[in-house]
C-alpha cells in the first residue's frame, strides 16, 4: 500500500534501536526523508546504515535547554515521532524527588517542548503528523514502573488536549501504545523480575506470555507498521486517538 508520504521529512526520537529504529526503517521504506536522534553517536551511525541513509543528531532529551538549538539544526519536518527512554525501575511510593524531576524532563517536558518547536511549520503548511509512543502501563499500570506509568498517562492527556487545537490545519496528533514488545527494555523488565523473585528467566517469560492473548511478545516491526500508517497521508481523518499494539494485553474497552 502506498502511504503517500514519499518525500516527507520525518524525525524519529530514539531512532537508534528497538521500536524507534523499526519505525525509522518503515518510514524510510515509504520514501520519507528520515532523521534520527539519540544520545549515542556510535549507535546512531550504525542505525543510519541499517536504515539505508538517515540524518543523525546526538541529543539528550533531559537537557531541555538544548532543544531549541536542536530543532533549529533539524529544521522543518512534517512527521514527528516522539519516542523516549524509560525511567529507573521501582514503585511509585517513596521515590526521590530527583527521580521524578529527571524523568519528567526527559520523558514528558522534552516531548512537549519539541512538539511546540516543530508545530508551527506543520500548521503553516497545513499538513503534519505527531505520534507519541507511550506504554500500556499508562492505562493498566505495570509493577515496578511507577514513574513510567504516571508520566506516560500524562502524555496521553497532553496529546488528546492538543489534537483539537491543530486539527483544522491538517495536523494529526495521536498516541501509539505498544504492549510487551521484544526489545531490550522488556528484557530488562523480565530480568528485574528474575532478580526480585529468584525464578528462571524462562519461567518469568512464560508467565508474562500467559497474560497476552497472543501468547508471545510483539516485534518492533509490528509496532512500526501501525506507526507508519498513523504517520501517513491515508490517516488524515484520525486524530486524538490511541493505537494499541499489544496482542490483546489491555483488558478494558
C-alpha atoms as a PDB file:
ATOM      1  CA  UNK A   1       0.000   0.000   0.000  1.00  0.00           C
ATOM      2  CA  UNK A   2       1.268   3.466  -0.880  1.00  0.00           C
ATOM      3  CA  UNK A   3       1.042   5.561   2.294  1.00  0.00           C
ATOM      4  CA  UNK A   4       1.653   8.739   0.257  1.00  0.00           C
ATOM      5  CA  UNK A   5       4.491  10.089   2.399  1.00  0.00           C
ATOM      6  CA  UNK A   6       7.283   9.857  -0.159  1.00  0.00           C
ATOM      7  CA  UNK A   7       9.403  12.982   0.167  1.00  0.00           C
ATOM      8  CA  UNK A   8       8.011  13.898   3.579  1.00  0.00           C
ATOM      9  CA  UNK A   9      10.548  14.814   6.256  1.00  0.00           C
ATOM     10  CA  UNK A  10      10.404  12.700   9.408  1.00  0.00           C
ATOM     11  CA  UNK A  11      12.199  12.890  12.749  1.00  0.00           C
ATOM     12  CA  UNK A  12      12.239   9.812  14.976  1.00  0.00           C
ATOM     13  CA  UNK A  13      13.459  10.312  18.529  1.00  0.00           C
ATOM     14  CA  UNK A  14      15.216   7.259  19.916  1.00  0.00           C
ATOM     15  CA  UNK A  15      15.605   6.057  16.345  1.00  0.00           C
ATOM     16  CA  UNK A  16      18.852   4.244  17.025  1.00  0.00           C
ATOM     17  CA  UNK A  17      17.404   0.973  18.324  1.00  0.00           C
ATOM     18  CA  UNK A  18      14.313  -1.093  19.124  1.00  0.00           C
ATOM     19  CA  UNK A  19      10.935   0.291  18.153  1.00  0.00           C
ATOM     20  CA  UNK A  20      12.371   3.687  17.195  1.00  0.00           C
ATOM     21  CA  UNK A  21      14.740   2.116  14.691  1.00  0.00           C
ATOM     22  CA  UNK A  22      11.976  -0.089  13.282  1.00  0.00           C
ATOM     23  CA  UNK A  23       9.729   2.959  12.813  1.00  0.00           C
ATOM     24  CA  UNK A  24      12.538   4.894  11.113  1.00  0.00           C
ATOM     25  CA  UNK A  25      13.072   1.973   8.723  1.00  0.00           C
ATOM     26  CA  UNK A  26       9.357   1.742   7.957  1.00  0.00           C
ATOM     27  CA  UNK A  27       9.084   5.462   7.177  1.00  0.00           C
ATOM     28  CA  UNK A  28      12.214   5.348   5.052  1.00  0.00           C
ATOM     29  CA  UNK A  29      10.835   2.375   3.117  1.00  0.00           C
ATOM     30  CA  UNK A  30       7.822   4.547   2.268  1.00  0.00           C
ATOM     31  CA  UNK A  31      10.117   7.165   0.768  1.00  0.00           C
ATOM     32  CA  UNK A  32      10.252   9.607   3.688  1.00  0.00           C
ATOM     33  CA  UNK A  33      13.473  11.510   4.353  1.00  0.00           C
ATOM     34  CA  UNK A  34      14.318  10.326   7.865  1.00  0.00           C
ATOM     35  CA  UNK A  35      16.337  11.913  10.653  1.00  0.00           C
ATOM     36  CA  UNK A  36      17.019  10.081  13.906  1.00  0.00           C
ATOM     37  CA  UNK A  37      18.126  11.436  17.275  1.00  0.00           C
ATOM     38  CA  UNK A  38      19.522   9.741  20.373  1.00  0.00           C
ATOM     39  CA  UNK A  39      22.345  10.124  22.873  1.00  0.00           C
ATOM     40  CA  UNK A  40      24.883   7.662  21.484  1.00  0.00           C
ATOM     41  CA  UNK A  41      26.610   8.894  18.278  1.00  0.00           C
ATOM     42  CA  UNK A  42      28.075   5.461  17.503  1.00  0.00           C
ATOM     43  CA  UNK A  43      24.689   3.761  17.804  1.00  0.00           C
ATOM     44  CA  UNK A  44      23.181   6.482  15.626  1.00  0.00           C
ATOM     45  CA  UNK A  45      25.766   5.872  12.920  1.00  0.00           C
ATOM     46  CA  UNK A  46      25.078   2.142  12.974  1.00  0.00           C
ATOM     47  CA  UNK A  47      21.321   2.730  12.820  1.00  0.00           C
ATOM     48  CA  UNK A  48      21.686   5.147   9.903  1.00  0.00           C
ATOM     49  CA  UNK A  49      23.443   2.425   7.924  1.00  0.00           C
ATOM     50  CA  UNK A  50      20.669  -0.052   8.752  1.00  0.00           C
ATOM     51  CA  UNK A  51      18.046   2.426   7.601  1.00  0.00           C
ATOM     52  CA  UNK A  52      19.899   2.910   4.344  1.00  0.00           C
ATOM     53  CA  UNK A  53      20.772   6.516   4.969  1.00  0.00           C
ATOM     54  CA  UNK A  54      19.434   8.956   7.552  1.00  0.00           C
ATOM     55  CA  UNK A  55      20.485  12.222   9.098  1.00  0.00           C
ATOM     56  CA  UNK A  56      21.680  11.732  12.668  1.00  0.00           C
ATOM     57  CA  UNK A  57      21.632  14.061  15.650  1.00  0.00           C
ATOM     58  CA  UNK A  58      23.128  13.422  19.077  1.00  0.00           C
ATOM     59  CA  UNK A  59      20.540  14.530  21.631  1.00  0.00           C
ATOM     60  CA  UNK A  60      19.967  14.187  25.364  1.00  0.00           C
ATOM     61  CA  UNK A  61      16.265  14.826  25.897  1.00  0.00           C
ATOM     62  CA  UNK A  62      16.836  15.533  29.581  1.00  0.00           C
ATOM     63  CA  UNK A  63      18.815  18.630  28.567  1.00  0.00           C
ATOM     64  CA  UNK A  64      15.722  20.660  27.741  1.00  0.00           C
ATOM     65  CA  UNK A  65      17.732  23.875  27.393  1.00  0.00           C
ATOM     66  CA  UNK A  66      19.374  22.419  24.263  1.00  0.00           C
ATOM     67  CA  UNK A  67      16.113  21.636  22.483  1.00  0.00           C
ATOM     68  CA  UNK A  68      15.642  24.951  20.598  1.00  0.00           C
ATOM     69  CA  UNK A  69      19.115  24.664  19.070  1.00  0.00           C
ATOM     70  CA  UNK A  70      18.446  21.030  18.173  1.00  0.00           C
ATOM     71  CA  UNK A  71      15.152  21.916  16.497  1.00  0.00           C
ATOM     72  CA  UNK A  72      16.869  24.655  14.526  1.00  0.00           C
ATOM     73  CA  UNK A  73      19.552  22.222  13.350  1.00  0.00           C
ATOM     74  CA  UNK A  74      16.977  19.650  12.243  1.00  0.00           C
ATOM     75  CA  UNK A  75      14.980  22.423  10.543  1.00  0.00           C
ATOM     76  CA  UNK A  76      11.471  21.886   9.236  1.00  0.00           C
ATOM     77  CA  UNK A  77       9.827  18.476   9.473  1.00  0.00           C
ATOM     78  CA  UNK A  78       6.458  17.025   8.501  1.00  0.00           C
ATOM     79  CA  UNK A  79       6.387  13.977  10.794  1.00  0.00           C
ATOM     80  CA  UNK A  80       7.488  13.884  14.437  1.00  0.00           C
ATOM     81  CA  UNK A  81       7.740  10.562  16.257  1.00  0.00           C
ATOM     82  CA  UNK A  82       8.193  11.170  19.983  1.00  0.00           C
ATOM     83  CA  UNK A  83       9.883   8.092  21.412  1.00  0.00           C
ATOM     84  CA  UNK A  84      11.678   8.407  24.743  1.00  0.00           C
ATOM     85  CA  UNK A  85      13.512   6.031  27.034  1.00  0.00           C
ATOM     86  CA  UNK A  86      12.129   4.821  30.328  1.00  0.00           C
ATOM     87  CA  UNK A  87      12.887   5.886  33.902  1.00  0.00           C
ATOM     88  CA  UNK A  88      14.612   3.812  36.581  1.00  0.00           C
ATOM     89  CA  UNK A  89      12.693   0.775  37.770  1.00  0.00           C
ATOM     90  CA  UNK A  90      10.744   0.883  41.020  1.00  0.00           C
ATOM     91  CA  UNK A  91       7.334   1.570  42.507  1.00  0.00           C
ATOM     92  CA  UNK A  92       5.622   4.928  42.817  1.00  0.00           C
ATOM     93  CA  UNK A  93       5.929   5.301  46.609  1.00  0.00           C
ATOM     94  CA  UNK A  94       8.941   6.805  48.337  1.00  0.00           C
ATOM     95  CA  UNK A  95      10.873   7.790  45.241  1.00  0.00           C
ATOM     96  CA  UNK A  96      13.400  10.592  45.451  1.00  0.00           C
ATOM     97  CA  UNK A  97      12.234  13.955  44.171  1.00  0.00           C
ATOM     98  CA  UNK A  98      15.125  13.935  41.699  1.00  0.00           C
ATOM     99  CA  UNK A  99      13.827  10.677  40.181  1.00  0.00           C
ATOM    100  CA  UNK A 100      10.522  12.348  39.368  1.00  0.00           C
ATOM    101  CA  UNK A 101      12.057  15.604  38.167  1.00  0.00           C
ATOM    102  CA  UNK A 102      14.691  13.979  35.969  1.00  0.00           C
ATOM    103  CA  UNK A 103      12.188  11.608  34.392  1.00  0.00           C
ATOM    104  CA  UNK A 104       9.668  14.408  33.885  1.00  0.00           C
ATOM    105  CA  UNK A 105      12.210  16.429  31.921  1.00  0.00           C
ATOM    106  CA  UNK A 106      13.424  13.510  29.800  1.00  0.00           C
ATOM    107  CA  UNK A 107      10.085  11.788  29.139  1.00  0.00           C
ATOM    108  CA  UNK A 108       7.407  14.472  29.184  1.00  0.00           C
ATOM    109  CA  UNK A 109       8.676  18.050  29.168  1.00  0.00           C
ATOM    110  CA  UNK A 110      11.092  17.327  26.312  1.00  0.00           C
ATOM    111  CA  UNK A 111       8.288  15.900  24.184  1.00  0.00           C
ATOM    112  CA  UNK A 112       6.023  18.859  24.861  1.00  0.00           C
ATOM    113  CA  UNK A 113       8.773  21.366  24.150  1.00  0.00           C
ATOM    114  CA  UNK A 114       9.965  19.730  20.927  1.00  0.00           C
ATOM    115  CA  UNK A 115       6.447  19.376  19.606  1.00  0.00           C
ATOM    116  CA  UNK A 116       5.841  23.070  20.280  1.00  0.00           C
ATOM    117  CA  UNK A 117       9.000  23.880  18.328  1.00  0.00           C
ATOM    118  CA  UNK A 118       8.065  21.808  15.275  1.00  0.00           C
ATOM    119  CA  UNK A 119       4.331  22.502  15.118  1.00  0.00           C
ATOM    120  CA  UNK A 120       4.490  25.999  13.553  1.00  0.00           C
ATOM    121  CA  UNK A 121       5.825  24.647  10.245  1.00  0.00           C
ATOM    122  CA  UNK A 122       3.274  21.833  10.176  1.00  0.00           C
ATOM    123  CA  UNK A 123       0.443  24.274  10.852  1.00  0.00           C
ATOM    124  CA  UNK A 124       1.658  26.756   8.257  1.00  0.00           C
ATOM    125  CA  UNK A 125       1.836  24.108   5.525  1.00  0.00           C
ATOM    126  CA  UNK A 126      -1.451  22.582   6.686  1.00  0.00           C
ATOM    127  CA  UNK A 127      -0.045  19.060   6.947  1.00  0.00           C
ATOM    128  CA  UNK A 128       1.704  17.344   9.807  1.00  0.00           C
ATOM    129  CA  UNK A 129       1.845  14.214  11.922  1.00  0.00           C
ATOM    130  CA  UNK A 130       2.737  13.981  15.602  1.00  0.00           C
ATOM    131  CA  UNK A 131       2.906  10.456  17.020  1.00  0.00           C
ATOM    132  CA  UNK A 132       3.930   9.836  20.627  1.00  0.00           C
ATOM    133  CA  UNK A 133       4.862   6.415  21.954  1.00  0.00           C
ATOM    134  CA  UNK A 134       3.744   5.520  25.459  1.00  0.00           C
ATOM    135  CA  UNK A 135       3.147   2.176  27.188  1.00  0.00           C
ATOM    136  CA  UNK A 136       0.212   0.035  28.242  1.00  0.00           C
ATOM    137  CA  UNK A 137       1.261   0.978  31.781  1.00  0.00           C
ATOM    138  CA  UNK A 138      -0.425   4.339  31.175  1.00  0.00           C
ATOM    139  CA  UNK A 139      -3.853   2.657  31.291  1.00  0.00           C
ATOM    140  CA  UNK A 140      -3.052  -0.644  33.034  1.00  0.00           C
ATOM    141  CA  UNK A 141      -0.202   0.131  35.467  1.00  0.00           C
ATOM    142  CA  UNK A 142       2.789  -2.197  35.398  1.00  0.00           C
ATOM    143  CA  UNK A 143       4.547  -3.259  38.596  1.00  0.00           C
ATOM    144  CA  UNK A 144       7.993  -1.711  39.145  1.00  0.00           C
ATOM    145  CA  UNK A 145       7.279   1.041  36.605  1.00  0.00           C
ATOM    146  CA  UNK A 146       5.593   3.593  38.861  1.00  0.00           C
ATOM    147  CA  UNK A 147       7.165   6.683  37.335  1.00  0.00           C
ATOM    148  CA  UNK A 148       6.696   5.459  33.776  1.00  0.00           C
ATOM    149  CA  UNK A 149       3.024   4.622  34.387  1.00  0.00           C
ATOM    150  CA  UNK A 150       2.423   8.114  35.737  1.00  0.00           C
ATOM    151  CA  UNK A 151       4.256  10.184  33.152  1.00  0.00           C
ATOM    152  CA  UNK A 152       3.097   8.241  30.131  1.00  0.00           C
ATOM    153  CA  UNK A 153      -0.513   8.700  31.236  1.00  0.00           C
ATOM    154  CA  UNK A 154       0.230  12.428  31.213  1.00  0.00           C
ATOM    155  CA  UNK A 155       1.446  12.201  27.614  1.00  0.00           C
ATOM    156  CA  UNK A 156      -1.875  10.703  26.554  1.00  0.00           C
ATOM    157  CA  UNK A 157      -3.788  13.567  28.196  1.00  0.00           C
ATOM    158  CA  UNK A 158      -1.453  16.116  26.589  1.00  0.00           C
ATOM    159  CA  UNK A 159      -1.843  14.547  23.131  1.00  0.00           C
ATOM    160  CA  UNK A 160      -5.619  14.487  23.476  1.00  0.00           C
ATOM    161  CA  UNK A 161      -5.528  18.136  24.593  1.00  0.00           C
ATOM    162  CA  UNK A 162      -3.543  19.490  21.660  1.00  0.00           C
ATOM    163  CA  UNK A 163      -5.153  17.364  18.933  1.00  0.00           C
ATOM    164  CA  UNK A 164      -8.243  19.593  18.551  1.00  0.00           C
ATOM    165  CA  UNK A 165      -6.091  22.731  18.640  1.00  0.00           C
ATOM    166  CA  UNK A 166      -4.379  21.854  15.344  1.00  0.00           C
ATOM    167  CA  UNK A 167      -6.871  19.534  13.639  1.00  0.00           C
ATOM    168  CA  UNK A 168      -8.376  22.152  11.315  1.00  0.00           C
ATOM    169  CA  UNK A 169      -4.880  22.857   9.984  1.00  0.00           C
ATOM    170  CA  UNK A 170      -4.361  19.319   8.763  1.00  0.00           C
ATOM    171  CA  UNK A 171      -2.114  18.249  11.651  1.00  0.00           C
ATOM    172  CA  UNK A 172      -2.941  14.999  13.420  1.00  0.00           C
ATOM    173  CA  UNK A 173      -1.795  14.140  16.941  1.00  0.00           C
ATOM    174  CA  UNK A 174      -2.004  10.519  18.006  1.00  0.00           C
ATOM    175  CA  UNK A 175      -0.584   8.080  20.532  1.00  0.00           C
ATOM    176  CA  UNK A 176       0.963   4.680  19.879  1.00  0.00           C
ATOM    177  CA  UNK A 177       0.716   2.288  22.803  1.00  0.00           C
ATOM    178  CA  UNK A 178       2.899  -0.798  22.373  1.00  0.00           C
ATOM    179  CA  UNK A 179       2.372  -3.690  24.718  1.00  0.00           C
ATOM    180  CA  UNK A 180       5.121  -6.130  25.564  1.00  0.00           C
ATOM    181  CA  UNK A 181       7.463  -5.948  22.613  1.00  0.00           C
ATOM    182  CA  UNK A 182      10.666  -7.959  22.267  1.00  0.00           C
ATOM    183  CA  UNK A 183      13.056  -5.078  22.928  1.00  0.00           C
ATOM    184  CA  UNK A 184      15.947  -4.519  25.303  1.00  0.00           C
ATOM    185  CA  UNK A 185      13.603  -2.703  27.694  1.00  0.00           C
ATOM    186  CA  UNK A 186      11.311  -5.730  28.046  1.00  0.00           C
ATOM    187  CA  UNK A 187      14.324  -7.970  28.540  1.00  0.00           C
ATOM    188  CA  UNK A 188      15.452  -5.714  31.382  1.00  0.00           C
ATOM    189  CA  UNK A 189      11.972  -5.797  32.904  1.00  0.00           C
ATOM    190  CA  UNK A 190      11.984  -9.600  32.810  1.00  0.00           C
ATOM    191  CA  UNK A 191      15.469  -9.665  34.329  1.00  0.00           C
ATOM    192  CA  UNK A 192      14.324  -7.360  37.148  1.00  0.00           C
ATOM    193  CA  UNK A 193      11.595  -9.888  37.945  1.00  0.00           C
ATOM    194  CA  UNK A 194      14.177 -12.683  37.937  1.00  0.00           C
ATOM    195  CA  UNK A 195      16.307 -10.830  40.464  1.00  0.00           C
ATOM    196  CA  UNK A 196      13.331  -9.919  42.611  1.00  0.00           C
ATOM    197  CA  UNK A 197      11.756 -13.387  42.703  1.00  0.00           C
ATOM    198  CA  UNK A 198      14.676 -15.718  42.137  1.00  0.00           C
ATOM    199  CA  UNK A 199      12.932 -17.590  39.327  1.00  0.00           C
ATOM    200  CA  UNK A 200      14.410 -18.766  35.998  1.00  0.00           C
ATOM    201  CA  UNK A 201      14.091 -16.311  33.111  1.00  0.00           C
ATOM    202  CA  UNK A 202      12.041 -18.800  31.099  1.00  0.00           C
ATOM    203  CA  UNK A 203       9.512 -19.053  33.942  1.00  0.00           C
ATOM    204  CA  UNK A 204       9.210 -15.265  34.048  1.00  0.00           C
ATOM    205  CA  UNK A 205       8.820 -15.078  30.282  1.00  0.00           C
ATOM    206  CA  UNK A 206       6.185 -17.815  30.102  1.00  0.00           C
ATOM    207  CA  UNK A 207       4.251 -16.130  32.915  1.00  0.00           C
ATOM    208  CA  UNK A 208       4.373 -12.869  31.004  1.00  0.00           C
ATOM    209  CA  UNK A 209       3.207 -14.518  27.801  1.00  0.00           C
ATOM    210  CA  UNK A 210       0.288 -16.136  29.632  1.00  0.00           C
ATOM    211  CA  UNK A 211      -1.161 -12.638  30.200  1.00  0.00           C
ATOM    212  CA  UNK A 212      -1.154 -11.893  26.467  1.00  0.00           C
ATOM    213  CA  UNK A 213      -3.921 -13.484  24.382  1.00  0.00           C
ATOM    214  CA  UNK A 214      -1.475 -13.973  21.501  1.00  0.00           C
ATOM    215  CA  UNK A 215       0.865 -15.783  23.932  1.00  0.00           C
ATOM    216  CA  UNK A 216       4.031 -14.043  22.755  1.00  0.00           C
ATOM    217  CA  UNK A 217       5.811 -10.729  22.722  1.00  0.00           C
ATOM    218  CA  UNK A 218       5.265  -8.477  19.745  1.00  0.00           C
ATOM    219  CA  UNK A 219       8.043  -7.437  17.394  1.00  0.00           C
ATOM    220  CA  UNK A 220       9.304  -3.899  16.743  1.00  0.00           C
ATOM    221  CA  UNK A 221       8.293  -4.330  13.105  1.00  0.00           C
ATOM    222  CA  UNK A 222       4.675  -4.965  14.101  1.00  0.00           C
ATOM    223  CA  UNK A 223       4.693  -1.690  16.041  1.00  0.00           C
ATOM    224  CA  UNK A 224       6.378   0.117  13.155  1.00  0.00           C
ATOM    225  CA  UNK A 225       3.707  -0.945  10.675  1.00  0.00           C
ATOM    226  CA  UNK A 226       0.997   0.756  12.735  1.00  0.00           C
ATOM    227  CA  UNK A 227       3.215   3.784  13.307  1.00  0.00           C
ATOM    228  CA  UNK A 228       3.791   4.189   9.583  1.00  0.00           C
ATOM    229  CA  UNK A 229       0.053   4.183   8.933  1.00  0.00           C
ATOM    230  CA  UNK A 230      -0.603   6.706  11.716  1.00  0.00           C
ATOM    231  CA  UNK A 231       2.011   8.992  10.141  1.00  0.00           C
ATOM    232  CA  UNK A 232       0.677   8.545   6.636  1.00  0.00           C
ATOM    233  CA  UNK A 233      -1.449  10.690   4.375  1.00  0.00           C
ATOM    234  CA  UNK A 234      -4.082   7.952   4.459  1.00  0.00           C
ATOM    235  CA  UNK A 235      -4.665   8.559   8.188  1.00  0.00           C
ATOM    236  CA  UNK A 236      -5.729  12.158   7.577  1.00  0.00           C
ATOM    237  CA  UNK A 237      -9.025  11.773   9.496  1.00  0.00           C
ATOM    238  CA  UNK A 238      -7.541  10.073  12.544  1.00  0.00           C
ATOM    239  CA  UNK A 239      -6.509  12.350  15.412  1.00  0.00           C
ATOM    240  CA  UNK A 240      -6.664  12.334  19.198  1.00  0.00           C
ATOM    241  CA  UNK A 241      -6.570   8.548  19.076  1.00  0.00           C
ATOM    242  CA  UNK A 242      -4.607   5.825  20.839  1.00  0.00           C
ATOM    243  CA  UNK A 243      -3.364   2.919  18.725  1.00  0.00           C
ATOM    244  CA  UNK A 244      -2.806  -0.141  20.909  1.00  0.00           C
ATOM    245  CA  UNK A 245      -0.378  -2.734  19.565  1.00  0.00           C
ATOM    246  CA  UNK A 246      -0.450  -5.149  22.471  1.00  0.00           C
ATOM    247  CA  UNK A 247      -1.643  -8.568  21.317  1.00  0.00           C
ATOM    248  CA  UNK A 248      -4.843  -8.031  23.341  1.00  0.00           C
ATOM    249  CA  UNK A 249      -2.992  -7.456  26.616  1.00  0.00           C
ATOM    250  CA  UNK A 250      -5.018  -4.458  27.832  1.00  0.00           C
ATOM    251  CA  UNK A 251      -8.345  -5.723  29.077  1.00  0.00           C
ATOM    252  CA  UNK A 252     -10.508  -2.604  29.173  1.00  0.00           C
ATOM    253  CA  UNK A 253     -12.686  -1.492  26.258  1.00  0.00           C
END
